[in-house]
Amino acid sequence: MSDSYSFCNLNAFEFWLIIRLYTAASVPLILATYYILNNKVSYSTSRVLIYSFIIVAIGWEIWLTYGIAGGLPVDERRSIALSCAIPQNLNWLLNSLADILIIWIGIFLVKKFYRNKPSPFFGWKWGAFFILFVWFMAQNIYVEAFFYHLQLGSNGDLSWAPLQPLGSWYNPTLFEIGGNPITFQSQSSWVIMTPIVYYLLIYFNGKST
């Protein structure tokens, strides 16, 4: 039995990679449509997600996709099959939408933890920040180790980006999981993104009251 798929000649790993990416990118759109149609749109959460989408797209996804500042474009860092299944001009959009799903889950986790406590969105609470930070970093480590490890590139291949300010000029391997390196640059974007998301939550929650 062949282990390749006729669509773009993907192998089994690549096939499930694109299934997961397209699913993760679709869920925020499906949920947003549901909440809009049922008039259940939260002012603060919707604004946080919209602004977060813009920030992640401009902050690193567009830069890494096109290799804008000293890096290789994504099509030169992955197989022809993956570039066929995930066109370069869609890559930044799909990954940005998947990032929004991660942020949405993070917001849900904080709300769940504080459901019987005073809201953590009226002022800075380190507990809420810690929940966001642990979730963002855990998922990003998983993504780097098991999801995108074949297309992240080696040192010098990834572009500088505003939320990856040291670029590939300083990108040491922090540790390895299953032989796959977890690098400083790939983690730095979510380290910076955590306080940004939390600040947006506090700001827009205050605006909605």
C-alpha atoms as a PDB file:
ATOM      1  CA  MET A   1       0.000   0.000   0.000  1.00  0.00           C
ATOM      2  CA  SER A   2       1.396   3.397  -0.960  1.00  0.00           C
ATOM      3  CA  ASP A   3       2.113   5.858   1.831  1.00  0.00           C
ATOM      4  CA  SER A   4       1.673   8.865  -0.458  1.00  0.00           C
ATOM      5  CA  TYR A   5      -1.507  10.772  -1.229  1.00  0.00           C
ATOM      6  CA  SER A   6      -2.515  11.721  -4.764  1.00  0.00           C
ATOM      7  CA  PHE A   7      -3.273  15.316  -3.768  1.00  0.00           C
ATOM      8  CA  CYS A   8       0.006  17.143  -4.447  1.00  0.00           C
ATOM      9  CA  ASN A   9       1.860  13.827  -3.889  1.00  0.00           C
ATOM     10  CA  LEU A  10       1.883  14.380  -0.145  1.00  0.00           C
ATOM     11  CA  ASN A  11       3.329  11.715   2.108  1.00  0.00           C
ATOM     12  CA  ALA A  12       1.424  10.635   5.216  1.00  0.00           C
ATOM     13  CA  PHE A  13       3.121  13.149   7.542  1.00  0.00           C
ATOM     14  CA  GLU A  14       2.573  16.048   5.117  1.00  0.00           C
ATOM     15  CA  PHE A  15      -1.056  15.059   4.554  1.00  0.00           C
ATOM     16  CA  TRP A  16      -1.906  15.178   8.255  1.00  0.00           C
ATOM     17  CA  LEU A  17       0.079  18.389   8.621  1.00  0.00           C
ATOM     18  CA  ILE A  18      -2.094  20.201   6.086  1.00  0.00           C
ATOM     19  CA  ILE A  19      -5.274  18.664   7.548  1.00  0.00           C
ATOM     20  CA  ARG A  20      -4.354  20.069  10.959  1.00  0.00           C
ATOM     21  CA  LEU A  21      -3.368  23.458   9.549  1.00  0.00           C
ATOM     22  CA  TYR A  22      -6.511  23.933   7.471  1.00  0.00           C
ATOM     23  CA  THR A  23      -8.637  22.755  10.393  1.00  0.00           C
ATOM     24  CA  ALA A  24      -6.930  25.128  12.842  1.00  0.00           C
ATOM     25  CA  ALA A  25      -7.322  27.999  10.368  1.00  0.00           C
ATOM     26  CA  SER A  26     -11.001  27.197   9.732  1.00  0.00           C
ATOM     27  CA  VAL A  27     -12.158  26.907  13.340  1.00  0.00           C
ATOM     28  CA  PRO A  28     -11.859  30.659  14.167  1.00  0.00           C
ATOM     29  CA  LEU A  29     -13.850  31.521  11.023  1.00  0.00           C
ATOM     30  CA  ILE A  30     -16.530  28.944  11.837  1.00  0.00           C
ATOM     31  CA  LEU A  31     -16.796  30.098  15.449  1.00  0.00           C
ATOM     32  CA  ALA A  32     -16.870  33.760  14.456  1.00  0.00           C
ATOM     33  CA  THR A  33     -19.680  33.076  11.971  1.00  0.00           C
ATOM     34  CA  TYR A  34     -21.627  31.164  14.616  1.00  0.00           C
ATOM     35  CA  TYR A  35     -21.295  33.915  17.225  1.00  0.00           C
ATOM     36  CA  ILE A  36     -22.204  36.639  14.730  1.00  0.00           C
ATOM     37  CA  LEU A  37     -25.271  34.771  13.430  1.00  0.00           C
ATOM     38  CA  ASN A  38     -26.434  34.087  16.993  1.00  0.00           C
ATOM     39  CA  ASN A  39     -25.682  37.628  18.167  1.00  0.00           C
ATOM     40  CA  LYS A  40     -23.301  36.372  20.834  1.00  0.00           C
ATOM     41  CA  VAL A  41     -20.322  38.479  19.875  1.00  0.00           C
ATOM     42  CA  SER A  42     -18.244  39.638  22.839  1.00  0.00           C
ATOM     43  CA  TYR A  43     -16.942  43.158  22.277  1.00  0.00           C
ATOM     44  CA  SER A  44     -13.692  42.634  24.182  1.00  0.00           C
ATOM     45  CA  THR A  45     -12.862  39.140  22.881  1.00  0.00           C
ATOM     46  CA  SER A  46     -13.693  39.991  19.272  1.00  0.00           C
ATOM     47  CA  ARG A  47     -11.501  43.114  19.359  1.00  0.00           C
ATOM     48  CA  VAL A  48      -8.633  41.201  20.974  1.00  0.00           C
ATOM     49  CA  LEU A  49      -8.794  38.511  18.274  1.00  0.00           C
ATOM     50  CA  ILE A  50      -8.991  41.030  15.427  1.00  0.00           C
ATOM     51  CA  TYR A  51      -6.048  43.053  16.696  1.00  0.00           C
ATOM     52  CA  SER A  52      -4.115  39.886  17.510  1.00  0.00           C
ATOM     53  CA  PHE A  53      -4.597  38.662  13.939  1.00  0.00           C
ATOM     54  CA  ILE A  54      -3.083  41.871  12.609  1.00  0.00           C
ATOM     55  CA  ILE A  55      -0.203  41.695  15.088  1.00  0.00           C
ATOM     56  CA  VAL A  56       0.762  38.075  14.403  1.00  0.00           C
ATOM     57  CA  ALA A  57       0.503  38.598  10.641  1.00  0.00           C
ATOM     58  CA  ILE A  58       2.669  41.721  10.665  1.00  0.00           C
ATOM     59  CA  GLY A  59       4.716  40.598  13.648  1.00  0.00           C
ATOM     60  CA  TRP A  60       6.150  37.437  12.120  1.00  0.00           C
ATOM     61  CA  GLU A  61       3.954  35.355   9.795  1.00  0.00           C
ATOM     62  CA  ILE A  62       4.308  37.536   6.673  1.00  0.00           C
ATOM     63  CA  TRP A  63       8.029  38.004   7.257  1.00  0.00           C
ATOM     64  CA  LEU A  64       8.711  34.287   7.660  1.00  0.00           C
ATOM     65  CA  THR A  65       6.503  33.353   4.704  1.00  0.00           C
ATOM     66  CA  TYR A  66       8.287  35.616   2.239  1.00  0.00           C
ATOM     67  CA  GLY A  67      11.736  35.728   3.843  1.00  0.00           C
ATOM     68  CA  ILE A  68      11.563  39.515   3.760  1.00  0.00           C
ATOM     69  CA  ALA A  69      14.604  40.361   5.890  1.00  0.00           C
ATOM     70  CA  GLY A  70      17.550  38.050   5.466  1.00  0.00           C
ATOM     71  CA  GLY A  71      15.702  34.731   5.338  1.00  0.00           C
ATOM     72  CA  LEU A  72      14.497  32.189   2.817  1.00  0.00           C
ATOM     73  CA  PRO A  73      10.851  32.214   1.700  1.00  0.00           C
ATOM     74  CA  VAL A  74       8.833  29.291   2.996  1.00  0.00           C
ATOM     75  CA  ASP A  75       8.714  27.588  -0.410  1.00  0.00           C
ATOM     76  CA  GLU A  76      12.479  27.144  -0.222  1.00  0.00           C
ATOM     77  CA  ARG A  77      12.277  25.621   3.263  1.00  0.00           C
ATOM     78  CA  ARG A  78       9.779  22.846   2.602  1.00  0.00           C
ATOM     79  CA  SER A  79       8.909  20.162   0.083  1.00  0.00           C
ATOM     80  CA  ILE A  80       7.320  20.819  -3.302  1.00  0.00           C
ATOM     81  CA  ALA A  81       4.309  18.812  -2.123  1.00  0.00           C
ATOM     82  CA  LEU A  82       3.716  21.100   0.869  1.00  0.00           C
ATOM     83  CA  SER A  83       4.132  24.202  -1.280  1.00  0.00           C
ATOM     84  CA  CYS A  84       1.500  22.759  -3.617  1.00  0.00           C
ATOM     85  CA  ALA A  85      -0.946  22.048  -0.779  1.00  0.00           C
ATOM     86  CA  ILE A  86      -0.249  25.307   1.085  1.00  0.00           C
ATOM     87  CA  PRO A  87       0.460  28.014  -1.531  1.00  0.00           C
ATOM     88  CA  GLN A  88       2.954  30.602  -0.348  1.00  0.00           C
ATOM     89  CA  ASN A  89       0.455  33.451  -0.656  1.00  0.00           C
ATOM     90  CA  LEU A  90      -1.945  31.559   1.641  1.00  0.00           C
ATOM     91  CA  ASN A  91       0.699  30.386   4.083  1.00  0.00           C
ATOM     92  CA  TRP A  92       0.832  33.546   6.206  1.00  0.00           C
ATOM     93  CA  LEU A  93      -2.979  33.812   6.278  1.00  0.00           C
ATOM     94  CA  LEU A  94      -3.553  30.195   7.327  1.00  0.00           C
ATOM     95  CA  ASN A  95      -0.867  30.354   9.995  1.00  0.00           C
ATOM     96  CA  SER A  96      -2.180  33.675  11.311  1.00  0.00           C
ATOM     97  CA  LEU A  97      -5.683  32.205  11.620  1.00  0.00           C
ATOM     98  CA  ALA A  98      -4.239  29.163  13.398  1.00  0.00           C
ATOM     99  CA  ASP A  99      -2.451  31.568  15.784  1.00  0.00           C
ATOM    100  CA  ILE A 100      -5.814  33.202  16.514  1.00  0.00           C
ATOM    101  CA  LEU A 101      -7.240  29.813  17.483  1.00  0.00           C
ATOM    102  CA  ILE A 102      -4.348  29.425  19.946  1.00  0.00           C
ATOM    103  CA  ILE A 103      -5.077  32.855  21.419  1.00  0.00           C
ATOM    104  CA  TRP A 104      -8.804  32.107  21.613  1.00  0.00           C
ATOM    105  CA  ILE A 105      -8.094  28.882  23.519  1.00  0.00           C
ATOM    106  CA  GLY A 106      -5.793  30.831  25.851  1.00  0.00           C
ATOM    107  CA  ILE A 107      -8.561  33.313  26.611  1.00  0.00           C
ATOM    108  CA  PHE A 108     -10.943  30.412  27.268  1.00  0.00           C
ATOM    109  CA  LEU A 109      -8.475  28.802  29.691  1.00  0.00           C
ATOM    110  CA  VAL A 110      -8.073  32.030  31.662  1.00  0.00           C
ATOM    111  CA  LYS A 111     -11.840  32.567  31.842  1.00  0.00           C
ATOM    112  CA  LYS A 112     -12.319  28.949  32.911  1.00  0.00           C
ATOM    113  CA  PHE A 113      -9.767  29.253  35.709  1.00  0.00           C
ATOM    114  CA  TYR A 114     -11.260  32.534  36.952  1.00  0.00           C
ATOM    115  CA  ARG A 115     -14.928  31.589  36.460  1.00  0.00           C
ATOM    116  CA  ASN A 116     -15.680  31.794  40.215  1.00  0.00           C
ATOM    117  CA  LYS A 117     -13.186  34.567  40.916  1.00  0.00           C
ATOM    118  CA  PRO A 118     -12.970  38.271  40.149  1.00  0.00           C
ATOM    119  CA  SER A 119     -12.293  38.908  36.479  1.00  0.00           C
ATOM    120  CA  PRO A 120      -8.571  39.051  35.635  1.00  0.00           C
ATOM    121  CA  PHE A 121      -9.311  41.488  32.809  1.00  0.00           C
ATOM    122  CA  PHE A 122      -9.844  44.626  34.887  1.00  0.00           C
ATOM    123  CA  GLY A 123      -6.214  44.804  35.959  1.00  0.00           C
ATOM    124  CA  TRP A 124      -2.997  42.858  35.682  1.00  0.00           C
ATOM    125  CA  LYS A 125      -3.015  39.517  37.493  1.00  0.00           C
ATOM    126  CA  TRP A 126       0.107  37.402  37.308  1.00  0.00           C
ATOM    127  CA  GLY A 127      -1.933  34.213  37.543  1.00  0.00           C
ATOM    128  CA  ALA A 128      -3.788  35.039  34.327  1.00  0.00           C
ATOM    129  CA  PHE A 129      -0.568  36.070  32.625  1.00  0.00           C
ATOM    130  CA  PHE A 130       1.066  32.811  33.694  1.00  0.00           C
ATOM    131  CA  ILE A 131      -1.792  30.733  32.241  1.00  0.00           C
ATOM    132  CA  LEU A 132      -1.483  32.516  28.903  1.00  0.00           C
ATOM    133  CA  PHE A 133       2.306  32.243  28.934  1.00  0.00           C
ATOM    134  CA  VAL A 134       2.385  28.511  29.732  1.00  0.00           C
ATOM    135  CA  TRP A 135      -0.272  27.713  27.105  1.00  0.00           C
ATOM    136  CA  PHE A 136       1.327  29.842  24.380  1.00  0.00           C
ATOM    137  CA  MET A 137       4.789  28.424  24.988  1.00  0.00           C
ATOM    138  CA  ALA A 138       3.626  24.808  25.356  1.00  0.00           C
ATOM    139  CA  GLN A 139       1.724  24.841  22.078  1.00  0.00           C
ATOM    140  CA  ASN A 140       4.558  26.596  20.266  1.00  0.00           C
ATOM    141  CA  ILE A 141       7.127  24.082  21.504  1.00  0.00           C
ATOM    142  CA  TYR A 142       4.818  21.302  20.297  1.00  0.00           C
ATOM    143  CA  VAL A 143       4.434  22.981  16.907  1.00  0.00           C
ATOM    144  CA  GLU A 144       8.184  23.422  16.481  1.00  0.00           C
ATOM    145  CA  ALA A 145       8.987  19.887  17.620  1.00  0.00           C
ATOM    146  CA  PHE A 146       6.281  17.897  15.842  1.00  0.00           C
ATOM    147  CA  PHE A 147       4.510  20.103  13.317  1.00  0.00           C
ATOM    148  CA  TYR A 148       6.883  22.425  11.467  1.00  0.00           C
ATOM    149  CA  HIS A 149      10.274  20.916  12.286  1.00  0.00           C
ATOM    150  CA  LEU A 150      10.897  20.040   8.633  1.00  0.00           C
ATOM    151  CA  GLN A 151      10.313  23.561   7.317  1.00  0.00           C
ATOM    152  CA  LEU A 152      11.589  25.934   9.977  1.00  0.00           C
ATOM    153  CA  GLY A 153      15.043  25.896   8.474  1.00  0.00           C
ATOM    154  CA  SER A 154      18.443  26.029  10.099  1.00  0.00           C
ATOM    155  CA  ASN A 155      20.160  29.120  11.466  1.00  0.00           C
ATOM    156  CA  GLY A 156      20.255  31.800   8.785  1.00  0.00           C
ATOM    157  CA  ASP A 157      17.195  30.501   6.910  1.00  0.00           C
ATOM    158  CA  LEU A 158      14.508  32.365   8.851  1.00  0.00           C
ATOM    159  CA  SER A 159      13.783  36.021   8.277  1.00  0.00           C
ATOM    160  CA  TRP A 160      14.050  38.729  10.894  1.00  0.00           C
ATOM    161  CA  ALA A 161      10.596  39.836  12.039  1.00  0.00           C
ATOM    162  CA  PRO A 162       9.355  42.602  14.375  1.00  0.00           C
ATOM    163  CA  LEU A 163       8.336  40.069  17.037  1.00  0.00           C
ATOM    164  CA  GLN A 164      11.436  37.970  16.435  1.00  0.00           C
ATOM    165  CA  PRO A 165      13.794  40.931  16.836  1.00  0.00           C
ATOM    166  CA  LEU A 166      17.080  39.017  17.041  1.00  0.00           C
ATOM    167  CA  GLY A 167      16.322  37.122  13.850  1.00  0.00           C
ATOM    168  CA  SER A 168      18.559  34.249  12.878  1.00  0.00           C
ATOM    169  CA  TRP A 169      21.659  36.206  13.886  1.00  0.00           C
ATOM    170  CA  TYR A 170      21.155  34.947  17.413  1.00  0.00           C
ATOM    171  CA  ASN A 171      19.144  31.760  17.349  1.00  0.00           C
ATOM    172  CA  PRO A 172      20.628  29.134  19.673  1.00  0.00           C
ATOM    173  CA  THR A 173      19.002  25.764  20.191  1.00  0.00           C
ATOM    174  CA  LEU A 174      17.441  25.813  23.650  1.00  0.00           C
ATOM    175  CA  PHE A 175      16.864  22.060  23.862  1.00  0.00           C
ATOM    176  CA  GLU A 176      15.718  19.144  21.722  1.00  0.00           C
ATOM    177  CA  ILE A 177      12.604  16.947  21.712  1.00  0.00           C
ATOM    178  CA  GLY A 178      12.897  13.686  19.835  1.00  0.00           C
ATOM    179  CA  GLY A 179      15.980  15.006  18.097  1.00  0.00           C
ATOM    180  CA  ASN A 180      14.122  18.109  16.870  1.00  0.00           C
ATOM    181  CA  PRO A 181      15.647  21.428  18.009  1.00  0.00           C
ATOM    182  CA  ILE A 182      13.617  24.009  19.917  1.00  0.00           C
ATOM    183  CA  THR A 183      15.160  27.334  18.952  1.00  0.00           C
ATOM    184  CA  PHE A 184      15.277  30.736  20.587  1.00  0.00           C
ATOM    185  CA  GLN A 185      13.914  32.640  17.587  1.00  0.00           C
ATOM    186  CA  SER A 186      10.816  30.505  17.157  1.00  0.00           C
ATOM    187  CA  GLN A 187       9.906  30.852  20.844  1.00  0.00           C
ATOM    188  CA  SER A 188      10.625  34.588  21.111  1.00  0.00           C
ATOM    189  CA  SER A 189       7.514  35.632  19.178  1.00  0.00           C
ATOM    190  CA  TRP A 190       5.135  34.057  21.708  1.00  0.00           C
ATOM    191  CA  VAL A 191       7.167  35.326  24.667  1.00  0.00           C
ATOM    192  CA  ILE A 192       6.571  38.850  23.342  1.00  0.00           C
ATOM    193  CA  MET A 193       2.999  38.101  22.281  1.00  0.00           C
ATOM    194  CA  THR A 194       1.868  37.001  25.745  1.00  0.00           C
ATOM    195  CA  PRO A 195       1.912  40.429  27.438  1.00  0.00           C
ATOM    196  CA  ILE A 196       0.498  42.007  24.262  1.00  0.00           C
ATOM    197  CA  VAL A 197      -2.528  39.699  24.322  1.00  0.00           C
ATOM    198  CA  TYR A 198      -3.064  40.221  28.035  1.00  0.00           C
ATOM    199  CA  TYR A 199      -2.813  43.998  27.681  1.00  0.00           C
ATOM    200  CA  LEU A 200      -5.368  43.911  24.844  1.00  0.00           C
ATOM    201  CA  LEU A 201      -7.722  41.865  27.020  1.00  0.00           C
ATOM    202  CA  ILE A 202      -7.490  44.369  29.868  1.00  0.00           C
ATOM    203  CA  TYR A 203      -7.806  47.361  27.534  1.00  0.00           C
ATOM    204  CA  PHE A 204     -10.838  46.190  25.574  1.00  0.00           C
ATOM    205  CA  ASN A 205     -12.547  44.742  28.631  1.00  0.00           C
ATOM    206  CA  GLY A 206     -12.280  48.205  30.170  1.00  0.00           C
ATOM    207  CA  LYS A 207     -13.680  49.791  27.013  1.00  0.00           C
ATOM    208  CA  SER A 208     -16.706  47.458  27.065  1.00  0.00           C
ATOM    209  CA  THR A 209     -17.811  48.466  30.589  1.00  0.00           C
END
